[in-house]
Amino acid sequence: MPWPGPADEVRYRPALPKRYRRVAGGLGIVGAIAVECSPWQEDNEWVLELAAKDKVVVGVVGNLEPGKAHFRKNLERLRQNPLFLGIRYGNLWGMSLAAQVSRPAFLSGLQSLACAGLALDTANPDLALIAAVVRLTDKVPELRVVIDHLAQLNPPASLKSRAALQTALKELGGRPQVYVKVSEVLRRSGRGVPYDLNFYRPRLDELWDIFGPDRLIYGSDWPNSDQWGSYRKVLGVVQSYFKEKGVAVEEKIFWKNSMAAYRWPRRDESQPA
């Protein structure tokens, strides 16, 4: 696999549905969406084949490049599978949403994605990516967009850039087709990883204030999250924050909003409808 490398002793190991069931066991989890992190075209098919064999996976976000010669052909084939929910494109594998968002072929590809009723995940945000999402949703307003890992974005150093970021986020906060994944919340501080909610509260409050209860979606980021702690600990910090806001909000964050963003199929009686 292209990532992570063998030197990564924490994450360089199989992360398949059987292991997921084990690490998430006893936490009330009955389904999850798999987000493909490989740039290899054939891995879209491979992950979908794995998902078909285990109903804990309610959908797959694949990895295709809009604007490439065979994008529409690949998209048309993959969308025939009801577990295929969309694609991810962002600051990864040398790609740049900001660099591509003005290209007509790229936008045409994303219009095809929107017409298919599929979503776009965009990952590893910075100011340029957030500004690009504003431009993208200007040009393809019918496309549902999920911004991943926003809690990990450190505010820019300059006051001008920080103000530009806040302006862009508030603009997106007014666009109902844009969702934010509450993922990669935990981070290192000094030599360790804090598990105290109050350490993370300011950033969670900011996301809550901008995007509210209907546009935030929990994402475990597992198995990448293993670098910050166990599945239970990573979930527990976020769960404790939203528990303070009541059961109705918890239901939105942990499943209802993901249904609105991804339109995943219910595969098992244990999963909510």
Protein backbone atom coordinates (compact mmCIF):
# COMPACT_ATOMS: atom_id res chain seq x y z
CA MET A 1 0.00 0.00 0.00
CA PRO A 2 1.28 3.53 -0.71
CA TRP A 3 0.62 4.87 2.80
CA PRO A 4 1.60 4.56 5.60
CA GLY A 5 5.10 3.21 5.18
CA PRO A 6 6.62 0.22 7.00
CA ALA A 7 8.48 2.54 9.38
CA ASP A 8 5.14 3.58 10.92
CA GLU A 9 4.86 0.99 13.68
CA VAL A 10 1.41 2.22 14.80
CA ARG A 11 -0.49 2.43 11.52
CA TYR A 12 1.30 0.03 9.17
CA ARG A 13 -1.03 -2.92 9.70
CA PRO A 14 -4.27 -4.24 8.19
CA ALA A 15 -7.37 -2.19 9.02
CA LEU A 16 -10.25 -4.30 7.75
CA PRO A 17 -13.90 -4.65 8.88
CA LYS A 18 -13.16 -7.53 11.25
CA ARG A 19 -10.60 -5.47 13.17
CA TYR A 20 -12.90 -2.45 13.07
CA ARG A 21 -15.65 -4.45 14.73
CA ARG A 22 -13.19 -5.44 17.44
CA VAL A 23 -11.87 -1.94 18.25
CA ALA A 24 -15.35 -0.38 18.08
CA GLY A 25 -17.02 -3.16 20.05
CA GLY A 26 -19.16 -2.20 23.02
CA LEU A 27 -19.41 1.47 21.97
CA GLY A 28 -22.85 1.35 20.37
CA ILE A 29 -21.49 1.61 16.83
CA VAL A 30 -23.57 -0.24 14.24
CA GLY A 31 -22.24 1.22 10.98
CA ALA A 32 -19.45 3.28 9.47
CA ILE A 33 -18.43 4.86 6.16
CA ALA A 34 -15.03 3.89 4.79
CA VAL A 35 -13.07 6.74 3.20
CA GLU A 36 -10.50 5.42 0.72
CA CYS A 37 -7.02 6.84 1.38
CA SER A 38 -5.22 5.21 -1.55
CA PRO A 39 -4.63 6.96 -4.92
CA TRP A 40 -4.73 3.62 -6.76
CA GLN A 41 -7.75 3.32 -9.02
CA GLU A 42 -8.14 -0.42 -8.39
CA ASP A 43 -8.43 0.14 -4.64
CA ASN A 44 -11.88 1.67 -5.15
CA GLU A 45 -13.08 -1.71 -6.38
CA TRP A 46 -11.19 -3.59 -3.67
CA VAL A 47 -12.69 -1.57 -0.81
CA LEU A 48 -16.18 -1.91 -2.28
CA GLU A 49 -15.68 -5.69 -2.46
CA LEU A 50 -14.68 -5.73 1.21
CA ALA A 51 -17.66 -3.57 2.15
CA ALA A 52 -20.07 -5.87 0.35
CA LYS A 53 -19.01 -8.71 2.65
CA ASP A 54 -19.61 -6.88 5.96
CA LYS A 55 -22.74 -4.87 6.70
CA VAL A 56 -20.99 -2.72 9.30
CA VAL A 57 -19.75 -0.71 6.29
CA VAL A 58 -22.70 1.34 5.05
CA GLY A 59 -20.78 3.08 2.30
CA VAL A 60 -17.47 3.94 0.67
CA VAL A 61 -16.02 7.29 -0.33
CA GLY A 62 -13.65 6.55 -3.20
CA ASN A 63 -10.67 8.24 -4.77
CA LEU A 64 -11.02 9.55 -8.34
CA GLU A 65 -9.57 12.65 -10.01
CA PRO A 66 -12.17 14.91 -11.66
CA GLY A 67 -10.92 16.27 -14.96
CA LYS A 68 -8.92 13.17 -15.87
CA ALA A 69 -9.67 11.47 -19.18
CA HIS A 70 -11.43 8.43 -17.71
CA PHE A 71 -13.12 10.13 -14.76
CA ARG A 72 -16.67 9.91 -16.09
CA LYS A 73 -16.24 6.33 -17.23
CA ASN A 74 -14.91 5.28 -13.83
CA LEU A 75 -17.55 7.29 -12.01
CA GLU A 76 -20.34 5.76 -14.05
CA ARG A 77 -19.10 2.26 -13.28
CA LEU A 78 -18.60 2.83 -9.56
CA ARG A 79 -21.89 4.64 -9.03
CA GLN A 80 -23.76 1.48 -10.03
CA ASN A 81 -22.75 0.11 -6.63
CA PRO A 82 -25.17 1.48 -3.99
CA LEU A 83 -22.32 1.48 -1.45
CA PHE A 84 -20.37 4.04 -3.49
CA LEU A 85 -21.21 7.40 -1.89
CA GLY A 86 -18.75 9.83 -3.47
CA ILE A 87 -15.09 10.73 -3.81
CA ARG A 88 -12.42 12.56 -1.85
CA TYR A 89 -10.18 15.23 -3.37
CA GLY A 90 -8.03 17.70 -1.46
CA ASN A 91 -4.53 18.33 -0.21
CA LEU A 92 -3.27 14.79 -0.58
CA TRP A 93 -1.22 12.75 -3.06
CA GLY A 94 0.15 15.95 -4.59
CA MET A 95 -3.35 17.14 -5.45
CA SER A 96 -4.67 20.63 -4.75
CA LEU A 97 -8.31 21.62 -4.83
CA ALA A 98 -7.27 25.29 -4.93
CA ALA A 99 -5.17 24.70 -8.06
CA GLN A 100 -7.91 22.75 -9.85
CA VAL A 101 -11.10 24.56 -8.96
CA SER A 102 -10.85 27.03 -11.85
CA ARG A 103 -10.28 24.36 -14.52
CA PRO A 104 -13.39 23.77 -16.67
CA ALA A 105 -12.70 20.02 -17.02
CA PHE A 106 -12.36 19.63 -13.25
CA LEU A 107 -15.58 21.53 -12.58
CA SER A 108 -17.37 19.52 -15.24
CA GLY A 109 -16.31 16.34 -13.49
CA LEU A 110 -17.68 17.60 -10.18
CA GLN A 111 -20.91 18.59 -11.88
CA SER A 112 -21.19 14.96 -13.00
CA LEU A 113 -20.59 13.89 -9.41
CA ALA A 114 -23.39 16.20 -8.23
CA CYS A 115 -25.75 15.00 -10.95
CA ALA A 116 -25.13 11.44 -9.79
CA GLY A 117 -26.28 12.44 -6.28
CA LEU A 118 -22.83 11.75 -4.82
CA ALA A 119 -20.77 13.78 -2.35
CA LEU A 120 -17.27 15.26 -2.33
CA ASP A 121 -15.02 14.86 0.71
CA THR A 122 -12.09 17.26 0.85
CA ALA A 123 -9.26 16.66 3.29
CA ASN A 124 -6.28 18.21 5.05
CA PRO A 125 -7.64 21.76 5.06
CA ASP A 126 -5.70 25.00 4.97
CA LEU A 127 -6.75 28.53 4.06
CA ALA A 128 -6.33 27.86 0.33
CA LEU A 129 -8.52 24.76 0.48
CA ILE A 130 -11.28 26.47 2.48
CA ALA A 131 -11.28 29.40 0.05
CA ALA A 132 -11.42 26.89 -2.82
CA VAL A 133 -14.51 25.26 -1.31
CA VAL A 134 -16.19 28.67 -1.36
CA ARG A 135 -15.37 29.07 -5.06
CA LEU A 136 -16.37 25.48 -5.82
CA THR A 137 -19.78 25.82 -4.19
CA ASP A 138 -20.29 29.07 -6.08
CA LYS A 139 -19.73 27.22 -9.35
CA VAL A 140 -21.38 23.87 -8.49
CA PRO A 141 -23.95 24.82 -5.82
CA GLU A 142 -25.81 21.51 -6.07
CA LEU A 143 -22.76 19.51 -4.95
CA ARG A 144 -22.76 18.26 -1.35
CA VAL A 145 -19.31 18.85 0.19
CA VAL A 146 -17.87 17.39 3.38
CA ILE A 147 -14.79 19.12 4.82
CA ASP A 148 -12.66 16.59 6.70
CA HIS A 149 -10.31 17.18 9.64
CA LEU A 150 -11.12 20.87 10.13
CA ALA A 151 -10.43 20.60 13.86
CA GLN A 152 -6.74 19.96 13.05
CA LEU A 153 -6.36 23.23 11.12
CA ASN A 154 -4.14 25.58 13.09
CA PRO A 155 -5.08 29.26 12.68
CA PRO A 156 -2.72 31.07 10.26
CA ALA A 157 0.04 33.13 11.82
CA SER A 158 -0.79 36.44 10.14
CA LEU A 159 -3.83 38.42 11.21
CA LYS A 160 -4.78 39.00 7.56
CA SER A 161 -4.80 35.28 6.77
CA ARG A 162 -6.63 34.49 9.99
CA ALA A 163 -9.34 37.02 9.11
CA ALA A 164 -9.60 35.57 5.59
CA LEU A 165 -10.05 32.08 7.02
CA GLN A 166 -12.81 33.22 9.36
CA THR A 167 -14.57 35.03 6.53
CA ALA A 168 -14.45 31.93 4.32
CA LEU A 169 -15.67 29.62 7.11
CA LYS A 170 -18.57 31.92 7.94
CA GLU A 171 -19.49 32.04 4.26
CA LEU A 172 -19.55 28.24 4.15
CA GLY A 173 -21.55 28.24 7.37
CA GLY A 174 -24.38 29.82 5.40
CA ARG A 175 -24.35 27.14 2.69
CA PRO A 176 -26.57 24.19 3.64
CA GLN A 177 -24.86 21.79 1.21
CA VAL A 178 -21.52 22.09 3.05
CA TYR A 179 -20.87 19.77 5.99
CA VAL A 180 -17.90 19.53 8.35
CA LYS A 181 -16.56 16.27 9.66
CA VAL A 182 -15.62 16.41 13.34
CA SER A 183 -12.52 14.30 12.79
CA GLU A 184 -8.87 14.53 13.80
CA VAL A 185 -9.94 16.45 16.89
CA LEU A 186 -7.14 15.08 19.07
CA ARG A 187 -3.62 16.44 18.68
CA ARG A 188 -0.31 16.47 20.47
CA SER A 189 0.59 19.09 23.01
CA GLY A 190 4.17 19.03 24.22
CA ARG A 191 5.13 15.39 24.57
CA GLY A 192 1.70 13.86 24.88
CA VAL A 193 -1.89 13.79 23.67
CA PRO A 194 -4.40 15.38 26.09
CA TYR A 195 -7.69 13.56 26.65
CA ASP A 196 -9.29 16.41 28.59
CA LEU A 197 -12.27 17.82 26.68
CA ASN A 198 -11.51 21.36 27.84
CA PHE A 199 -8.26 21.32 25.87
CA TYR A 200 -10.27 20.86 22.66
CA ARG A 201 -13.36 22.84 23.60
CA PRO A 202 -12.40 26.18 21.95
CA ARG A 203 -12.06 24.62 18.49
CA LEU A 204 -15.17 22.50 18.91
CA ASP A 205 -17.06 25.60 20.03
CA GLU A 206 -15.91 27.42 16.90
CA LEU A 207 -17.16 24.64 14.62
CA TRP A 208 -20.43 24.50 16.53
CA ASP A 209 -20.94 28.27 16.35
CA ILE A 210 -20.36 28.36 12.58
CA PHE A 211 -21.98 25.14 11.36
CA GLY A 212 -24.48 24.30 14.10
CA PRO A 213 -26.21 21.01 14.91
CA ASP A 214 -27.31 20.12 11.37
CA ARG A 215 -23.99 20.29 9.52
CA LEU A 216 -21.47 18.55 11.77
CA ILE A 217 -20.68 14.84 11.30
CA TYR A 218 -18.55 12.72 13.60
CA GLY A 219 -15.63 10.97 11.92
CA SER A 220 -13.30 8.67 13.84
CA ASP A 221 -10.49 8.88 11.23
CA TRP A 222 -9.63 5.32 12.24
CA PRO A 223 -7.06 3.79 11.82
CA ASN A 224 -5.15 7.03 11.31
CA SER A 225 -6.49 8.03 14.73
CA ASP A 226 -4.39 5.30 16.39
CA GLN A 227 -1.50 7.77 16.51
CA TRP A 228 -3.46 9.84 19.06
CA GLY A 229 -5.07 7.12 21.14
CA SER A 230 -7.41 4.17 21.23
CA TYR A 231 -10.68 4.22 19.33
CA ARG A 232 -12.54 4.54 22.62
CA LYS A 233 -10.49 7.56 23.76
CA VAL A 234 -10.76 9.39 20.43
CA LEU A 235 -14.52 8.86 20.35
CA GLY A 236 -14.89 9.68 24.04
CA VAL A 237 -13.57 13.25 23.80
CA VAL A 238 -15.99 14.18 21.02
CA GLN A 239 -18.85 12.21 22.53
CA SER A 240 -18.52 14.02 25.85
CA TYR A 241 -18.71 17.39 24.08
CA PHE A 242 -21.95 16.64 22.24
CA LYS A 243 -23.49 14.81 25.16
CA GLU A 244 -23.69 18.17 26.88
CA LYS A 245 -26.00 19.37 24.11
CA GLY A 246 -28.64 16.66 24.52
CA VAL A 247 -29.77 13.44 22.87
CA ALA A 248 -31.36 15.12 19.83
CA VAL A 249 -28.04 16.78 18.94
CA GLU A 250 -26.09 13.57 19.56
CA GLU A 251 -28.33 11.72 17.12
CA LYS A 252 -27.66 14.36 14.46
CA ILE A 253 -23.90 14.40 14.92
CA PHE A 254 -23.44 10.63 15.10
CA TRP A 255 -25.79 9.48 12.33
CA LYS A 256 -28.57 11.73 11.04
CA ASN A 257 -26.31 14.38 9.50
CA SER A 258 -24.20 11.70 7.81
CA MET A 259 -27.37 10.36 6.21
CA ALA A 260 -28.16 13.83 4.86
CA ALA A 261 -24.64 14.34 3.52
CA TYR A 262 -23.94 10.87 2.10
CA ARG A 263 -27.36 9.23 1.70
CA TRP A 264 -25.97 5.87 2.76
CA PRO A 265 -28.10 2.72 2.53
CA ARG A 266 -29.29 0.97 5.67
CA ARG A 267 -27.84 -2.54 5.54
CA ASP A 268 -28.79 -4.11 8.83
CA GLU A 269 -31.75 -4.02 11.24
CA SER A 270 -29.47 -2.67 13.96
CA GLN A 271 -28.83 0.48 11.93
CA PRO A 272 -31.14 3.48 12.33
CA ALA A 273 -33.56 4.36 9.56
